[in-house]
Structures are given as C-alpha cells and as structure tokens.
Amino acid sequence: LHNVDAAFGRFWKAFQASPYKDNTIVIVTADHAHVQEKPYVALVKDDPTYKPYFVDTVPLLIYDPTHELPAEYDAGDATGLALAPTILHLLGKKYAENAFLGQSLFDGPQTFHIHAEGDALWYIYHHEVFKEKDIPEGAIDAFVNEKKRLYEFYAEERENRMVRN
C-alpha cells in the first residue's frame, strides 16, 4: 500500500501541475477486494464483521472538475456493476441504454445487489454480504427477483444480444 500511495502521490502532483487538471476526470478504484491470504486473515480475524468471502468494500475516488460532486457519498450496497454506468453518467452519455446490469451511483439507491462468481451467488443487503443459503427472510423475494434478472442477462449474453435496462 505504501508503494501505491507514493506512486499515486507523484502522479497527482504532476497531474495538478498539468493543463489537464481542469478538464479531466480521474477515477481511482480497485477491481476486487482483499484476497483471503494468511496475512490478511490474521489481521482481520478478530473483527466481528469479517466474513471469509471475496466480496467486500473497494475504494472509489472520483476527481471531477466538471461536476459538483459531494465530498463523500454513500454508495449503499452498490457493486462494481455500477462503475461503468456511473462513468457514462459523468460523461453525459445516455447510460440507460447500455448492456450493463448496474446503474449509475448518482441515480439513487441501487436496484441490483447480487455478486456472482461462476455459479456461486452472494447477496448484499444492508451493507452485509450473505451466501445464497444464508439470506435473511426479509430479503429472499428481492434476491429471487434479482437472480431471475441475472439469469436473463446471462441468456441474452450467450446469444450475443444487447440487454436494455
């Protein structure tokens, strides 16, 4: 993490001194959460909120001199599926007509809360992650609807057809 911080610091200083700082959006994020390696597990094993899933919070930093964005924003239970629609939103593109299953973070509460890895599904509900077999009673109907939508998306994808949200 120290090396990433130092490298980003050098980039940020150069960027802020460049002519691009007033018309360029910079987005910093990660493509996945921590891998459950022994050093990480040893660090968080006593945290009561820790679950040994490959589904967790990732950073999303947006520098955008062209929009007035809040200093902090609670993305709720949004997943990485919101990233591309959010970028399209910032670029002024009509993101509702795309093949992405997610929606822009700036459109309010997300409507899709499933994380899928192959056949394994997790449901994100009130900032917690649940295996399919452990979903709370009050969230089962919403999960079933989202699972159906996911499988419809997969079917469209297999047929190489564009899905419209």
N, C-alpha and C. Protein backbone atom coordinates (compact mmCIF):
# COMPACT_ATOMS: atom_id res chain seq x y z
N LEU A 1 0.82 -1.20 0.00
CA LEU A 1 0.00 0.00 0.00
C LEU A 1 0.86 1.26 0.00
N HIS A 2 1.99 1.20 0.71
CA HIS A 2 2.88 2.36 0.74
C HIS A 2 3.36 2.70 -0.67
N ASN A 3 3.76 1.70 -1.43
CA ASN A 3 4.25 1.95 -2.80
C ASN A 3 3.17 2.54 -3.69
N VAL A 4 1.94 2.04 -3.54
CA VAL A 4 0.83 2.59 -4.33
C VAL A 4 0.59 4.04 -3.95
N ASP A 5 0.57 4.32 -2.63
CA ASP A 5 0.37 5.70 -2.18
C ASP A 5 1.45 6.64 -2.71
N ALA A 6 2.70 6.19 -2.65
CA ALA A 6 3.81 7.04 -3.11
C ALA A 6 3.71 7.29 -4.62
N ALA A 7 3.41 6.23 -5.38
CA ALA A 7 3.30 6.38 -6.84
C ALA A 7 2.12 7.29 -7.20
N PHE A 8 1.00 7.10 -6.52
CA PHE A 8 -0.15 7.95 -6.82
C PHE A 8 0.15 9.40 -6.44
N GLY A 9 0.85 9.60 -5.34
CA GLY A 9 1.23 10.96 -4.94
C GLY A 9 2.05 11.66 -6.00
N ARG A 10 3.00 10.94 -6.60
CA ARG A 10 3.82 11.53 -7.68
C ARG A 10 2.94 11.85 -8.89
N PHE A 11 2.05 10.92 -9.25
CA PHE A 11 1.14 11.17 -10.36
C PHE A 11 0.27 12.40 -10.07
N TRP A 12 -0.30 12.47 -8.85
CA TRP A 12 -1.23 13.54 -8.51
C TRP A 12 -0.56 14.90 -8.56
N LYS A 13 0.67 15.00 -8.06
CA LYS A 13 1.40 16.27 -8.13
C LYS A 13 1.60 16.69 -9.58
N ALA A 14 2.03 15.76 -10.42
CA ALA A 14 2.25 16.07 -11.84
C ALA A 14 0.93 16.43 -12.51
N PHE A 15 -0.14 15.71 -12.21
CA PHE A 15 -1.45 15.97 -12.80
C PHE A 15 -1.94 17.36 -12.40
N GLN A 16 -1.84 17.72 -11.13
CA GLN A 16 -2.32 19.02 -10.66
C GLN A 16 -1.53 20.17 -11.28
N ALA A 17 -0.30 19.91 -11.71
CA ALA A 17 0.52 20.94 -12.35
C ALA A 17 0.32 20.96 -13.86
N SER A 18 -0.50 20.04 -14.38
CA SER A 18 -0.67 19.92 -15.83
C SER A 18 -1.86 20.74 -16.32
N PRO A 19 -1.95 20.96 -17.63
CA PRO A 19 -3.10 21.68 -18.19
C PRO A 19 -4.37 20.82 -18.20
N TYR A 20 -4.27 19.54 -17.87
CA TYR A 20 -5.42 18.63 -17.90
C TYR A 20 -6.26 18.67 -16.63
N LYS A 21 -5.75 19.27 -15.57
CA LYS A 21 -6.43 19.22 -14.27
C LYS A 21 -7.82 19.88 -14.29
N ASP A 22 -8.07 20.78 -15.23
CA ASP A 22 -9.34 21.49 -15.25
C ASP A 22 -10.40 20.86 -16.17
N ASN A 23 -10.01 19.84 -16.94
CA ASN A 23 -10.98 19.26 -17.87
C ASN A 23 -10.89 17.73 -17.95
N THR A 24 -10.29 17.10 -16.94
CA THR A 24 -10.11 15.66 -16.97
C THR A 24 -10.68 15.03 -15.70
N ILE A 25 -11.46 13.99 -15.87
CA ILE A 25 -11.99 13.23 -14.74
C ILE A 25 -10.98 12.13 -14.42
N VAL A 26 -10.63 12.01 -13.14
CA VAL A 26 -9.73 10.94 -12.69
C VAL A 26 -10.53 10.05 -11.74
N ILE A 27 -10.52 8.75 -12.02
CA ILE A 27 -11.24 7.78 -11.19
C ILE A 27 -10.23 6.76 -10.68
N VAL A 28 -10.23 6.54 -9.37
CA VAL A 28 -9.36 5.55 -8.75
C VAL A 28 -10.25 4.53 -8.06
N THR A 29 -10.05 3.27 -8.38
CA THR A 29 -10.82 2.20 -7.75
C THR A 29 -9.99 0.93 -7.77
N ALA A 30 -10.58 -0.16 -7.37
CA ALA A 30 -9.91 -1.46 -7.40
C ALA A 30 -10.82 -2.45 -8.10
N ASP A 31 -10.24 -3.47 -8.66
CA ASP A 31 -11.06 -4.45 -9.39
C ASP A 31 -11.56 -5.57 -8.48
N HIS A 32 -11.08 -5.62 -7.25
CA HIS A 32 -11.59 -6.63 -6.31
C HIS A 32 -11.19 -6.28 -4.89
N ALA A 33 -11.79 -6.97 -3.94
CA ALA A 33 -11.46 -6.78 -2.53
C ALA A 33 -10.21 -7.59 -2.19
N HIS A 34 -9.86 -7.59 -0.91
CA HIS A 34 -8.69 -8.35 -0.47
C HIS A 34 -8.86 -9.83 -0.76
N VAL A 35 -7.78 -10.46 -1.16
CA VAL A 35 -7.74 -11.91 -1.30
C VAL A 35 -7.57 -12.48 0.10
N GLN A 36 -8.17 -13.60 0.37
CA GLN A 36 -8.13 -14.18 1.71
C GLN A 36 -6.81 -14.90 1.98
N GLU A 37 -5.71 -14.16 1.87
CA GLU A 37 -4.39 -14.73 2.15
C GLU A 37 -4.16 -14.74 3.65
N LYS A 38 -3.25 -15.60 4.11
CA LYS A 38 -2.99 -15.76 5.54
C LYS A 38 -2.69 -14.45 6.26
N PRO A 39 -1.82 -13.56 5.74
CA PRO A 39 -1.54 -12.31 6.47
C PRO A 39 -2.79 -11.43 6.64
N TYR A 40 -3.63 -11.38 5.60
CA TYR A 40 -4.85 -10.58 5.70
C TYR A 40 -5.81 -11.19 6.72
N VAL A 41 -6.02 -12.48 6.64
CA VAL A 41 -6.92 -13.15 7.57
C VAL A 41 -6.44 -12.97 9.00
N ALA A 42 -5.13 -13.06 9.24
CA ALA A 42 -4.57 -12.86 10.58
C ALA A 42 -4.87 -11.44 11.07
N LEU A 43 -4.87 -10.48 10.18
CA LEU A 43 -5.11 -9.08 10.54
C LEU A 43 -6.57 -8.83 10.94
N VAL A 44 -7.51 -9.48 10.26
CA VAL A 44 -8.93 -9.16 10.46
C VAL A 44 -9.72 -10.25 11.20
N LYS A 45 -9.07 -11.32 11.59
CA LYS A 45 -9.78 -12.46 12.16
C LYS A 45 -10.61 -12.11 13.40
N ASP A 46 -10.22 -11.09 14.16
CA ASP A 46 -10.96 -10.72 15.36
C ASP A 46 -12.05 -9.67 15.10
N ASP A 47 -12.17 -9.21 13.88
CA ASP A 47 -13.20 -8.24 13.52
C ASP A 47 -14.54 -8.98 13.43
N PRO A 48 -15.53 -8.61 14.23
CA PRO A 48 -16.80 -9.34 14.22
C PRO A 48 -17.57 -9.22 12.90
N THR A 49 -17.24 -8.23 12.07
CA THR A 49 -17.93 -8.08 10.78
C THR A 49 -17.25 -8.85 9.65
N TYR A 50 -16.07 -9.42 9.93
CA TYR A 50 -15.31 -10.12 8.89
C TYR A 50 -16.00 -11.42 8.49
N LYS A 51 -16.13 -11.61 7.18
CA LYS A 51 -16.62 -12.87 6.62
C LYS A 51 -15.61 -13.29 5.56
N PRO A 52 -15.27 -14.55 5.50
CA PRO A 52 -14.23 -15.00 4.56
C PRO A 52 -14.73 -15.13 3.12
N TYR A 53 -15.28 -14.06 2.58
CA TYR A 53 -15.77 -14.03 1.20
C TYR A 53 -14.87 -13.12 0.38
N PHE A 54 -14.89 -13.34 -0.91
CA PHE A 54 -14.15 -12.48 -1.83
C PHE A 54 -15.06 -11.32 -2.28
N VAL A 55 -15.92 -10.88 -1.39
CA VAL A 55 -16.85 -9.79 -1.66
C VAL A 55 -16.68 -8.82 -0.50
N ASP A 56 -16.25 -7.61 -0.78
CA ASP A 56 -16.02 -6.64 0.29
C ASP A 56 -16.00 -5.25 -0.31
N THR A 57 -15.81 -4.27 0.52
CA THR A 57 -15.76 -2.87 0.10
C THR A 57 -14.48 -2.58 -0.68
N VAL A 58 -14.61 -1.83 -1.76
CA VAL A 58 -13.44 -1.36 -2.51
C VAL A 58 -13.52 0.16 -2.60
N PRO A 59 -12.38 0.83 -2.76
CA PRO A 59 -12.41 2.29 -2.85
C PRO A 59 -12.93 2.77 -4.20
N LEU A 60 -13.54 3.92 -4.18
CA LEU A 60 -13.91 4.62 -5.41
C LEU A 60 -13.71 6.10 -5.14
N LEU A 61 -12.68 6.66 -5.75
CA LEU A 61 -12.38 8.09 -5.64
C LEU A 61 -12.61 8.72 -7.00
N ILE A 62 -13.36 9.81 -7.03
CA ILE A 62 -13.65 10.49 -8.29
C ILE A 62 -13.23 11.95 -8.15
N TYR A 63 -12.31 12.37 -9.01
CA TYR A 63 -11.95 13.78 -9.13
C TYR A 63 -12.59 14.24 -10.43
N ASP A 64 -13.51 15.19 -10.31
CA ASP A 64 -14.23 15.65 -11.50
C ASP A 64 -14.41 17.16 -11.43
N PRO A 65 -13.56 17.92 -12.13
CA PRO A 65 -13.69 19.38 -12.10
C PRO A 65 -14.88 19.89 -12.92
N THR A 66 -15.57 19.01 -13.62
CA THR A 66 -16.66 19.44 -14.50
C THR A 66 -18.04 19.29 -13.86
N HIS A 67 -18.12 18.65 -12.69
CA HIS A 67 -19.39 18.47 -11.98
C HIS A 67 -19.22 18.85 -10.51
N GLU A 68 -20.31 19.22 -9.89
CA GLU A 68 -20.29 19.47 -8.44
C GLU A 68 -20.69 18.17 -7.76
N LEU A 69 -19.70 17.45 -7.23
CA LEU A 69 -19.95 16.20 -6.55
C LEU A 69 -19.75 16.39 -5.05
N PRO A 70 -20.45 15.61 -4.23
CA PRO A 70 -20.24 15.72 -2.79
C PRO A 70 -18.84 15.24 -2.40
N ALA A 71 -18.33 15.75 -1.30
CA ALA A 71 -17.01 15.32 -0.82
C ALA A 71 -17.03 13.84 -0.44
N GLU A 72 -18.15 13.37 0.08
CA GLU A 72 -18.33 11.96 0.42
C GLU A 72 -19.70 11.54 -0.09
N TYR A 73 -19.81 10.26 -0.44
CA TYR A 73 -21.07 9.75 -0.96
C TYR A 73 -21.20 8.30 -0.54
N ASP A 74 -22.31 7.96 0.09
CA ASP A 74 -22.56 6.58 0.50
C ASP A 74 -23.16 5.85 -0.69
N ALA A 75 -22.40 4.93 -1.24
CA ALA A 75 -22.87 4.17 -2.40
C ALA A 75 -23.81 3.05 -2.00
N GLY A 76 -24.16 2.99 -0.71
CA GLY A 76 -25.10 1.97 -0.26
C GLY A 76 -24.55 0.58 -0.51
N ASP A 77 -25.35 -0.25 -1.07
CA ASP A 77 -24.96 -1.64 -1.35
C ASP A 77 -24.56 -1.83 -2.80
N ALA A 78 -24.13 -0.78 -3.46
CA ALA A 78 -23.75 -0.87 -4.88
C ALA A 78 -22.54 -1.79 -5.05
N THR A 79 -22.48 -2.41 -6.19
CA THR A 79 -21.35 -3.27 -6.53
C THR A 79 -20.59 -2.65 -7.69
N GLY A 80 -19.56 -3.34 -8.14
CA GLY A 80 -18.78 -2.88 -9.29
C GLY A 80 -19.61 -2.74 -10.55
N LEU A 81 -20.80 -3.33 -10.56
CA LEU A 81 -21.67 -3.20 -11.72
C LEU A 81 -22.11 -1.76 -11.95
N ALA A 82 -21.98 -0.93 -10.92
CA ALA A 82 -22.37 0.48 -11.04
C ALA A 82 -21.27 1.34 -11.66
N LEU A 83 -20.05 0.81 -11.77
CA LEU A 83 -18.94 1.65 -12.22
C LEU A 83 -19.11 2.18 -13.65
N ALA A 84 -19.30 1.31 -14.61
CA ALA A 84 -19.42 1.77 -16.00
C ALA A 84 -20.62 2.70 -16.20
N PRO A 85 -21.83 2.36 -15.68
CA PRO A 85 -22.93 3.32 -15.82
C PRO A 85 -22.66 4.65 -15.13
N THR A 86 -21.93 4.66 -14.01
CA THR A 86 -21.59 5.91 -13.33
C THR A 86 -20.65 6.75 -14.19
N ILE A 87 -19.66 6.12 -14.79
CA ILE A 87 -18.74 6.84 -15.68
C ILE A 87 -19.50 7.40 -16.87
N LEU A 88 -20.36 6.60 -17.48
CA LEU A 88 -21.16 7.10 -18.61
C LEU A 88 -22.02 8.29 -18.17
N HIS A 89 -22.57 8.22 -16.98
CA HIS A 89 -23.38 9.32 -16.44
C HIS A 89 -22.54 10.59 -16.35
N LEU A 90 -21.33 10.49 -15.78
CA LEU A 90 -20.45 11.66 -15.66
C LEU A 90 -20.08 12.23 -17.03
N LEU A 91 -19.99 11.37 -18.02
CA LEU A 91 -19.63 11.82 -19.37
C LEU A 91 -20.83 12.34 -20.15
N GLY A 92 -22.01 12.30 -19.51
CA GLY A 92 -23.21 12.82 -20.17
C GLY A 92 -23.80 11.89 -21.20
N LYS A 93 -23.44 10.63 -21.15
CA LYS A 93 -23.97 9.65 -22.11
C LYS A 93 -25.28 9.09 -21.59
N LYS A 94 -26.12 8.66 -22.49
CA LYS A 94 -27.39 8.08 -22.10
C LYS A 94 -27.13 6.65 -21.65
N TYR A 95 -26.79 6.52 -20.38
CA TYR A 95 -26.34 5.24 -19.84
C TYR A 95 -27.47 4.24 -19.66
N ALA A 96 -28.72 4.67 -19.70
CA ALA A 96 -29.82 3.71 -19.51
C ALA A 96 -29.89 2.75 -20.69
N GLU A 97 -29.38 3.15 -21.82
CA GLU A 97 -29.41 2.28 -22.99
C GLU A 97 -28.04 1.67 -23.20
N ASN A 98 -27.70 0.74 -22.31
CA ASN A 98 -26.43 0.04 -22.43
C ASN A 98 -26.61 -1.40 -21.98
N ALA A 99 -25.58 -2.18 -22.13
CA ALA A 99 -25.65 -3.60 -21.79
C ALA A 99 -25.21 -3.87 -20.36
N PHE A 100 -25.14 -2.86 -19.52
CA PHE A 100 -24.70 -3.06 -18.15
C PHE A 100 -25.89 -3.38 -17.25
N LEU A 101 -25.67 -4.30 -16.36
CA LEU A 101 -26.72 -4.71 -15.44
C LEU A 101 -26.91 -3.69 -14.31
N GLY A 102 -25.87 -2.95 -13.98
CA GLY A 102 -25.94 -1.96 -12.91
C GLY A 102 -26.51 -0.64 -13.39
N GLN A 103 -26.49 0.33 -12.48
CA GLN A 103 -26.96 1.68 -12.80
C GLN A 103 -26.02 2.69 -12.16
N SER A 104 -26.10 3.93 -12.58
CA SER A 104 -25.23 4.98 -12.06
C SER A 104 -25.44 5.15 -10.55
N LEU A 105 -24.35 5.36 -9.83
CA LEU A 105 -24.43 5.63 -8.39
C LEU A 105 -25.24 6.89 -8.11
N PHE A 106 -25.26 7.81 -9.04
CA PHE A 106 -25.92 9.09 -8.83
C PHE A 106 -27.42 9.05 -9.15
N ASP A 107 -27.93 7.86 -9.44
CA ASP A 107 -29.36 7.70 -9.66
C ASP A 107 -30.08 7.24 -8.40
N GLY A 108 -29.41 7.29 -7.28
CA GLY A 108 -30.05 6.90 -6.02
C GLY A 108 -29.80 5.45 -5.69
N PRO A 109 -30.64 4.88 -4.83
CA PRO A 109 -30.42 3.51 -4.37
C PRO A 109 -30.31 2.53 -5.54
N GLN A 110 -29.37 1.62 -5.41
CA GLN A 110 -29.15 0.63 -6.46
C GLN A 110 -30.28 -0.38 -6.46
N THR A 111 -30.49 -0.99 -7.62
CA THR A 111 -31.57 -1.96 -7.75
C THR A 111 -31.04 -3.37 -7.99
N PHE A 112 -29.74 -3.56 -7.86
CA PHE A 112 -29.18 -4.89 -8.08
C PHE A 112 -28.10 -5.13 -7.05
N HIS A 113 -28.23 -6.20 -6.27
CA HIS A 113 -27.36 -6.42 -5.13
C HIS A 113 -26.74 -7.82 -5.11
N ILE A 114 -26.59 -8.44 -6.25
CA ILE A 114 -26.02 -9.78 -6.31
C ILE A 114 -24.57 -9.69 -6.79
N HIS A 115 -23.72 -10.49 -6.15
CA HIS A 115 -22.36 -10.68 -6.63
C HIS A 115 -22.28 -12.12 -7.09
N ALA A 116 -21.80 -12.33 -8.32
CA ALA A 116 -21.72 -13.68 -8.87
C ALA A 116 -20.29 -14.01 -9.25
N GLU A 117 -19.89 -15.21 -8.89
CA GLU A 117 -18.62 -15.77 -9.33
C GLU A 117 -18.93 -17.17 -9.83
N GLY A 118 -19.02 -17.31 -11.14
CA GLY A 118 -19.44 -18.60 -11.69
C GLY A 118 -20.86 -18.90 -11.24
N ASP A 119 -21.05 -20.06 -10.64
CA ASP A 119 -22.38 -20.45 -10.16
C ASP A 119 -22.65 -19.98 -8.73
N ALA A 120 -21.64 -19.46 -8.05
CA ALA A 120 -21.81 -19.03 -6.67
C ALA A 120 -22.37 -17.61 -6.63
N LEU A 121 -23.39 -17.40 -5.81
CA LEU A 121 -24.03 -16.09 -5.68
C LEU A 121 -23.98 -15.62 -4.24
N TRP A 122 -23.78 -14.32 -4.06
CA TRP A 122 -23.85 -13.68 -2.76
C TRP A 122 -24.83 -12.54 -2.89
N TYR A 123 -25.51 -12.24 -1.80
CA TYR A 123 -26.47 -11.14 -1.80
C TYR A 123 -26.00 -10.07 -0.83
N ILE A 124 -26.02 -8.83 -1.28
CA ILE A 124 -25.58 -7.71 -0.46
C ILE A 124 -26.85 -7.00 0.04
N TYR A 125 -26.99 -6.97 1.36
CA TYR A 125 -28.22 -6.49 1.98
C TYR A 125 -27.86 -5.72 3.25
N HIS A 126 -28.21 -4.44 3.30
CA HIS A 126 -27.91 -3.59 4.45
C HIS A 126 -26.43 -3.64 4.83
N HIS A 127 -25.57 -3.47 3.83
CA HIS A 127 -24.11 -3.43 4.00
C HIS A 127 -23.51 -4.74 4.51
N GLU A 128 -24.22 -5.82 4.35
CA GLU A 128 -23.68 -7.13 4.72
C GLU A 128 -23.76 -8.05 3.51
N VAL A 129 -22.86 -9.04 3.49
CA VAL A 129 -22.82 -10.00 2.40
C VAL A 129 -23.27 -11.35 2.92
N PHE A 130 -24.18 -11.99 2.17
CA PHE A 130 -24.72 -13.28 2.58
C PHE A 130 -24.56 -14.30 1.46
N LYS A 131 -24.16 -15.51 1.82
CA LYS A 131 -24.21 -16.61 0.87
C LYS A 131 -25.68 -16.86 0.56
N GLU A 132 -25.93 -17.44 -0.60
CA GLU A 132 -27.32 -17.65 -1.01
C GLU A 132 -28.12 -18.40 0.06
N LYS A 133 -27.53 -19.37 0.69
CA LYS A 133 -28.25 -20.17 1.69
C LYS A 133 -28.50 -19.42 3.00
N ASP A 134 -27.82 -18.28 3.19
CA ASP A 134 -27.91 -17.53 4.45
C ASP A 134 -28.67 -16.21 4.34
N ILE A 135 -29.35 -15.98 3.23
CA ILE A 135 -30.04 -14.70 3.03
C ILE A 135 -31.16 -14.54 4.06
N PRO A 136 -31.24 -13.37 4.71
CA PRO A 136 -32.30 -13.15 5.70
C PRO A 136 -33.70 -13.27 5.08
N GLU A 137 -34.62 -13.71 5.88
CA GLU A 137 -36.01 -13.94 5.43
C GLU A 137 -36.58 -12.73 4.69
N GLY A 138 -36.36 -11.54 5.20
CA GLY A 138 -36.93 -10.34 4.60
C GLY A 138 -36.35 -9.95 3.25
N ALA A 139 -35.28 -10.62 2.83
CA ALA A 139 -34.63 -10.27 1.57
C ALA A 139 -34.76 -11.35 0.50
N ILE A 140 -35.39 -12.46 0.83
CA ILE A 140 -35.43 -13.60 -0.10
C ILE A 140 -36.17 -13.26 -1.39
N ASP A 141 -37.33 -12.62 -1.31
CA ASP A 141 -38.09 -12.30 -2.53
C ASP A 141 -37.29 -11.39 -3.46
N ALA A 142 -36.65 -10.36 -2.90
CA ALA A 142 -35.84 -9.46 -3.73
C ALA A 142 -34.68 -10.22 -4.36
N PHE A 143 -34.04 -11.09 -3.58
CA PHE A 143 -32.94 -11.90 -4.12
C PHE A 143 -33.42 -12.77 -5.27
N VAL A 144 -34.55 -13.44 -5.11
CA VAL A 144 -35.07 -14.32 -6.16
C VAL A 144 -35.35 -13.52 -7.44
N ASN A 145 -35.92 -12.32 -7.29
CA ASN A 145 -36.17 -11.47 -8.47
C ASN A 145 -34.87 -11.05 -9.16
N GLU A 146 -33.86 -10.68 -8.36
CA GLU A 146 -32.58 -10.26 -8.94
C GLU A 146 -31.85 -11.45 -9.58
N LYS A 147 -31.96 -12.62 -8.97
CA LYS A 147 -31.36 -13.83 -9.53
C LYS A 147 -31.99 -14.13 -10.90
N LYS A 148 -33.31 -14.00 -10.98
CA LYS A 148 -34.00 -14.21 -12.26
C LYS A 148 -33.49 -13.21 -13.30
N ARG A 149 -33.37 -11.96 -12.90
CA ARG A 149 -32.86 -10.93 -13.82
C ARG A 149 -31.43 -11.24 -14.26
N LEU A 150 -30.60 -11.72 -13.33
CA LEU A 150 -29.23 -12.09 -13.66
C LEU A 150 -29.20 -13.21 -14.68
N TYR A 151 -30.01 -14.24 -14.48
CA TYR A 151 -30.01 -15.37 -15.41
C TYR A 151 -30.57 -14.97 -16.78
N GLU A 152 -31.51 -14.03 -16.81
CA GLU A 152 -31.99 -13.49 -18.09
C GLU A 152 -30.87 -12.75 -18.81
N PHE A 153 -30.09 -11.99 -18.04
CA PHE A 153 -28.94 -11.28 -18.59
C PHE A 153 -27.93 -12.28 -19.17
N TYR A 154 -27.65 -13.35 -18.41
CA TYR A 154 -26.72 -14.39 -18.90
C TYR A 154 -27.23 -14.99 -20.21
N ALA A 155 -28.53 -15.24 -20.31
CA ALA A 155 -29.10 -15.82 -21.53
C ALA A 155 -28.94 -14.87 -22.71
N GLU A 156 -29.19 -13.58 -22.48
CA GLU A 156 -29.00 -12.58 -23.54
C GLU A 156 -27.53 -12.53 -23.96
N GLU A 157 -26.65 -12.59 -22.97
CA GLU A 157 -25.21 -12.54 -23.24
C GLU A 157 -24.78 -13.73 -24.10
N ARG A 158 -25.27 -14.93 -23.75
CA ARG A 158 -24.92 -16.14 -24.53
C ARG A 158 -25.35 -16.02 -25.99
N GLU A 159 -26.46 -15.33 -26.20
CA GLU A 159 -26.96 -15.13 -27.56
C GLU A 159 -26.36 -13.90 -28.21
N ASN A 160 -25.42 -13.24 -27.51
CA ASN A 160 -24.74 -12.05 -28.01
C ASN A 160 -25.73 -10.96 -28.37
N ARG A 161 -26.73 -10.79 -27.51
CA ARG A 161 -27.75 -9.76 -27.71
C ARG A 161 -27.57 -8.66 -26.68
N MET A 162 -27.86 -7.44 -27.07
CA MET A 162 -27.76 -6.30 -26.15
C MET A 162 -28.96 -6.29 -25.24
N VAL A 163 -28.69 -6.10 -23.96
CA VAL A 163 -29.77 -6.00 -22.97
C VAL A 163 -30.00 -4.54 -22.66
N ARG A 164 -31.24 -4.15 -22.61
CA ARG A 164 -31.59 -2.78 -22.24
C ARG A 164 -32.18 -2.82 -20.84
N ASN A 165 -31.70 -1.95 -19.97
CA ASN A 165 -32.23 -1.88 -18.60
C ASN A 165 -33.59 -1.25 -18.59
